[in-house]
Protein backbone atom coordinates (compact mmCIF):
# COMPACT_ATOMS: atom_id res chain seq x y z
CA MET A 1 0.00 0.00 0.00
CA MET A 2 1.48 3.36 -1.06
CA HIS A 3 1.33 6.16 1.46
CA GLU A 4 1.09 9.83 0.54
CA TYR A 5 4.58 10.59 1.87
CA ASP A 6 6.03 7.92 -0.43
CA THR A 7 5.21 10.09 -3.46
CA MET A 8 6.54 13.39 -2.09
CA PRO A 9 9.49 14.72 -4.12
CA GLU A 10 12.85 14.91 -2.42
CA GLU A 11 14.08 18.37 -1.48
CA ALA A 12 16.53 19.68 -4.07
CA PRO A 13 20.08 20.14 -2.79
CA PRO A 14 21.28 23.75 -2.44
CA PRO A 15 23.27 25.18 -5.36
CA PRO A 16 27.04 24.95 -5.04
CA ARG A 17 28.89 27.83 -3.43
CA PRO A 18 31.71 29.65 -5.19
CA ALA A 19 35.06 27.97 -4.54
CA PHE A 20 36.70 29.00 -1.29
CA LEU A 21 39.61 30.82 -2.93
CA SER A 22 37.32 32.50 -5.47
CA ARG A 23 35.44 34.21 -2.66
CA PHE A 24 38.51 36.30 -1.80
CA TRP A 25 38.43 38.27 -5.04
CA MET A 26 34.65 38.12 -5.44
CA VAL A 27 34.20 40.09 -2.20
CA PHE A 28 35.94 43.01 -3.93
CA VAL A 29 34.79 42.76 -7.55
CA LYS A 30 31.55 40.72 -7.46
CA PRO A 31 30.12 41.07 -3.95
CA GLY A 32 26.50 40.91 -5.11
CA VAL A 33 27.05 37.66 -7.00
CA LEU A 34 29.00 36.16 -4.13
CA PHE A 35 26.49 37.00 -1.41
CA GLU A 36 23.52 35.96 -3.51
CA ALA A 37 25.13 32.53 -3.94
CA LEU A 38 26.02 32.33 -0.25
CA GLY A 39 22.47 33.33 0.65
CA LYS A 40 21.23 30.18 -1.08
CA ASN A 41 23.93 28.00 0.46
CA PRO A 42 25.46 29.85 3.43
CA ALA A 43 28.74 28.94 5.09
CA TRP A 44 30.65 30.93 7.67
CA PHE A 45 33.03 29.05 9.96
CA PRO A 46 35.86 28.16 7.51
CA MET A 47 36.09 31.75 6.28
CA ALA A 48 35.70 33.21 9.79
CA LEU A 49 38.50 30.93 11.00
CA PHE A 50 40.75 31.87 8.08
CA VAL A 51 40.23 35.60 8.64
CA ALA A 52 40.73 35.26 12.41
CA MET A 53 43.95 33.28 11.95
CA GLY A 54 45.15 35.77 9.33
CA VAL A 55 44.56 38.73 11.65
CA GLY A 56 46.20 36.82 14.50
CA ALA A 57 49.22 36.13 12.30
CA VAL A 58 49.46 39.82 11.39
CA MET A 59 49.31 40.96 15.00
CA GLY A 60 51.58 38.24 16.35
CA GLY A 61 54.00 38.75 13.46
CA MET A 62 54.60 42.43 14.19
CA PRO A 63 58.23 42.99 15.27
CA GLY A 64 59.08 42.62 18.93
CA ASP A 65 60.44 46.17 19.01
CA PHE A 66 57.08 47.47 17.86
CA TRP A 67 55.23 45.70 20.67
CA ALA A 68 57.87 46.74 23.17
CA THR A 69 57.22 50.36 22.20
CA GLN A 70 53.47 49.90 22.71
CA ILE A 71 53.99 48.36 26.14
CA GLU A 72 56.50 51.02 27.17
CA ALA A 73 53.95 53.69 26.24
CA GLY A 74 51.79 52.21 28.99
CA GLY A 75 54.51 52.76 31.56
CA GLN A 76 56.24 49.37 31.54
CA ALA A 77 59.49 48.21 29.98
CA PRO A 78 59.34 44.49 29.15
CA PRO A 79 62.59 42.50 28.98
CA ASP A 80 63.65 41.33 25.53
CA ASP A 81 63.51 37.64 26.42
CA VAL A 82 59.73 37.71 27.03
CA MET A 83 58.80 39.40 23.74
CA PRO A 84 58.42 36.13 21.78
CA LEU A 85 55.92 34.95 24.40
CA VAL A 86 54.14 38.32 24.32
CA ARG A 87 53.83 38.15 20.53
CA ALA A 88 52.48 34.61 20.71
CA ILE A 89 49.88 35.58 23.32
CA ILE A 90 48.84 38.59 21.23
CA GLY A 91 48.52 36.44 18.11
CA VAL A 92 46.44 33.75 19.81
CA GLY A 93 44.30 36.25 21.70
CA THR A 94 43.59 38.27 18.57
CA THR A 95 42.62 35.10 16.69
CA ILE A 96 40.11 34.15 19.39
CA VAL A 97 38.61 37.65 19.51
CA PHE A 98 38.22 37.91 15.74
CA LEU A 99 36.62 34.48 15.58
CA PHE A 100 33.72 35.88 17.60
CA ILE A 101 33.43 39.19 15.72
CA PRO A 102 31.27 37.74 12.87
CA LEU A 103 28.85 36.45 15.51
CA VAL A 104 28.55 39.90 17.08
CA VAL A 105 28.18 41.65 13.71
CA ALA A 106 25.62 39.12 12.48
CA ALA A 107 23.59 39.42 15.69
CA PHE A 108 23.54 43.20 15.29
CA THR A 109 22.56 43.18 11.61
CA PHE A 110 19.98 40.46 12.21
CA VAL A 111 18.25 42.58 14.84
CA VAL A 112 18.35 45.74 12.69
CA PHE A 113 17.32 44.28 9.36
CA VAL A 114 15.21 41.23 10.24
CA PHE A 115 13.52 42.18 13.51
CA MET A 116 13.26 45.92 12.86
CA ARG A 117 13.09 46.26 9.07
CA GLY A 118 11.36 42.93 8.39
CA ASP A 119 13.81 41.31 5.97
CA ASN A 120 13.36 37.68 5.00
CA ALA A 121 16.64 36.12 6.07
CA PHE A 122 18.07 33.59 8.49
CA PHE A 123 20.75 34.22 11.09
CA LYS A 124 23.16 31.83 9.35
CA GLN A 125 22.87 33.92 6.18
CA HIS A 126 23.79 37.08 8.10
CA LEU A 127 26.64 35.18 9.72
CA SER A 128 27.91 34.11 6.31
CA VAL A 129 27.87 37.73 5.12
CA ALA A 130 29.73 38.97 8.20
CA ALA A 131 32.37 36.24 7.96
CA HIS A 132 33.14 36.93 4.29
CA ALA A 133 33.14 40.71 4.71
CA GLY A 134 35.98 40.10 7.16
CA ILE A 135 38.22 39.50 4.13
CA VAL A 136 38.19 43.26 3.54
CA THR A 137 39.26 43.86 7.13
CA LEU A 138 42.12 41.37 6.78
CA VAL A 139 43.37 43.00 3.58
CA GLY A 140 43.16 46.38 5.29
CA MET A 141 45.39 45.18 8.10
CA LEU A 142 47.93 43.85 5.59
CA VAL A 143 47.98 47.24 3.85
CA HIS A 144 48.50 49.03 7.18
CA ILE A 145 51.46 46.90 8.34
CA PRO A 146 54.19 49.11 6.80
CA LEU A 147 52.46 52.25 8.12
CA TRP A 148 52.29 50.87 11.65
CA ILE A 149 55.87 49.64 11.64
CA GLY A 150 57.16 52.85 10.05
CA THR A 151 55.49 55.12 12.59
CA GLY A 152 55.58 52.74 15.56
CA SER A 153 51.90 53.33 16.24
CA PHE A 154 48.50 51.80 15.45
CA GLU A 155 47.10 55.33 15.27
CA THR A 156 48.45 55.74 11.72
CA VAL A 157 45.58 54.62 9.49
CA LEU A 158 44.17 55.37 6.07
CA SER A 159 41.00 57.30 6.80
CA VAL A 160 39.02 60.38 5.82
CA ALA A 161 41.45 62.30 8.04
CA THR A 162 44.21 61.43 5.55
CA PHE A 163 42.75 64.10 3.25
CA PHE A 164 42.87 66.72 6.03
CA PRO A 165 46.45 66.68 7.37
CA PHE A 166 46.12 70.35 8.37
CA LEU A 167 43.46 69.68 11.03
CA PRO A 168 44.61 70.29 14.61
CA ASP A 169 44.17 67.67 17.31
CA GLY A 170 40.62 67.62 18.53
CA TYR A 171 37.13 66.30 17.98
CA LEU A 172 36.93 66.80 14.21
CA LEU A 173 40.26 65.05 13.60
CA ASN A 174 39.24 62.19 15.89
CA PHE A 175 35.93 61.83 14.02
CA PHE A 176 37.51 61.74 10.57
CA THR A 177 40.13 59.26 11.81
CA GLN A 178 37.37 56.90 12.94
CA LEU A 179 36.11 56.77 9.35
CA GLN A 180 38.78 54.38 8.11
CA PHE A 181 38.74 53.44 4.43
CA PHE A 182 38.79 49.69 4.91
CA GLY A 183 36.27 49.93 7.73
CA LEU A 184 33.87 51.78 5.45
CA TRP A 185 34.59 49.26 2.69
CA THR A 186 33.68 46.45 5.07
CA VAL A 187 30.42 48.22 5.94
CA VAL A 188 29.57 48.54 2.25
CA ALA A 189 30.33 44.84 1.68
CA VAL A 190 28.07 43.87 4.58
CA GLY A 191 25.30 46.10 3.22
CA ILE A 192 25.52 44.56 -0.25
CA GLY A 193 25.50 41.10 1.29
CA ILE A 194 22.45 41.71 3.48
CA ALA A 195 20.52 43.23 0.56
CA ALA A 196 21.31 40.16 -1.56
CA LEU A 197 19.50 37.96 0.99
CA ASP A 198 16.12 39.57 0.31
CA PRO A 199 15.15 40.48 -3.30
CA ARG A 200 12.80 43.17 -1.99
CA ARG A 201 15.72 45.23 -0.69
CA SER A 202 18.15 47.41 -2.60
CA ALA A 203 21.85 47.46 -1.86
CA ALA A 204 21.87 51.26 -1.79
CA SER A 205 19.28 51.61 0.97
CA THR A 206 20.88 48.87 3.09
CA VAL A 207 24.37 50.35 2.73
CA VAL A 208 23.05 53.81 3.65
CA VAL A 209 21.49 52.46 6.86
CA LEU A 210 24.77 50.83 7.88
CA LEU A 211 26.82 53.91 6.98
CA VAL A 212 24.55 56.12 9.09
CA ILE A 213 25.03 53.73 12.01
CA GLN A 214 28.80 53.80 11.40
CA VAL A 215 28.83 57.61 11.42
CA ILE A 216 26.85 57.72 14.66
CA LEU A 217 29.26 55.27 16.30
CA SER A 218 32.23 57.27 15.01
CA LEU A 219 30.76 60.47 16.46
CA GLY A 220 30.49 58.78 19.83
CA CYS A 221 34.00 57.31 19.71
CA ALA A 222 35.44 60.68 18.67
CA ALA A 223 33.72 62.38 21.60
CA LEU A 224 35.08 59.78 24.01
CA LEU A 225 38.63 60.08 22.66
CA THR A 226 38.48 63.86 22.85
CA VAL A 227 37.32 63.81 26.45
CA MET A 228 40.03 61.30 27.43
CA ASP A 229 42.87 63.18 25.66
CA PRO A 230 44.91 64.86 28.42
CA THR A 231 46.50 67.31 25.96
CA LEU A 232 43.20 68.96 25.06
């Protein structure tokens, strides 16, 4: 005797994702295509782990003299024989922290765009977008390595403030410095990715929402830095 469930068609498998290595360049040149494909077949942990390990390698691979300078700025002078251990701890710690960042970003965007705006998307899809947008952050850190080593400070970044070298120290300079190029690029990538999850949404409107949030956060960070600056 044939039951009704015996005749039900099997669920079609999800379409294949772009190859892992292909996603690195697609984030920059074909983000819409990439995130649309990942929306249909999301994956996040392998890319999140790769980005986290890459950032950890960058931080742990910075010269010992550079880290010694950072520690000395805090009022301590570490002996040379402990710097390899310090670098290892920094590398591992940074890897662990960055492994959780996609979860935090995805939770935030899920609340804003699914709960508040009413998008049709799952948390895993948002997590996949956040994990792959991290590629932009990793590339940004690689670009900044020679700047950091050359100046001996993490404060040297490519940002909107780069176009205004004549600005004196203060709130406006702090605000423009918070608007880092690769940070804004990451925001745009996330916006394109989230919009690709719901055909009703445009990339432009989603990116604008995220950029407004980024500007508000930058205004707050700039205010805090200005208040804490003892030279002002």
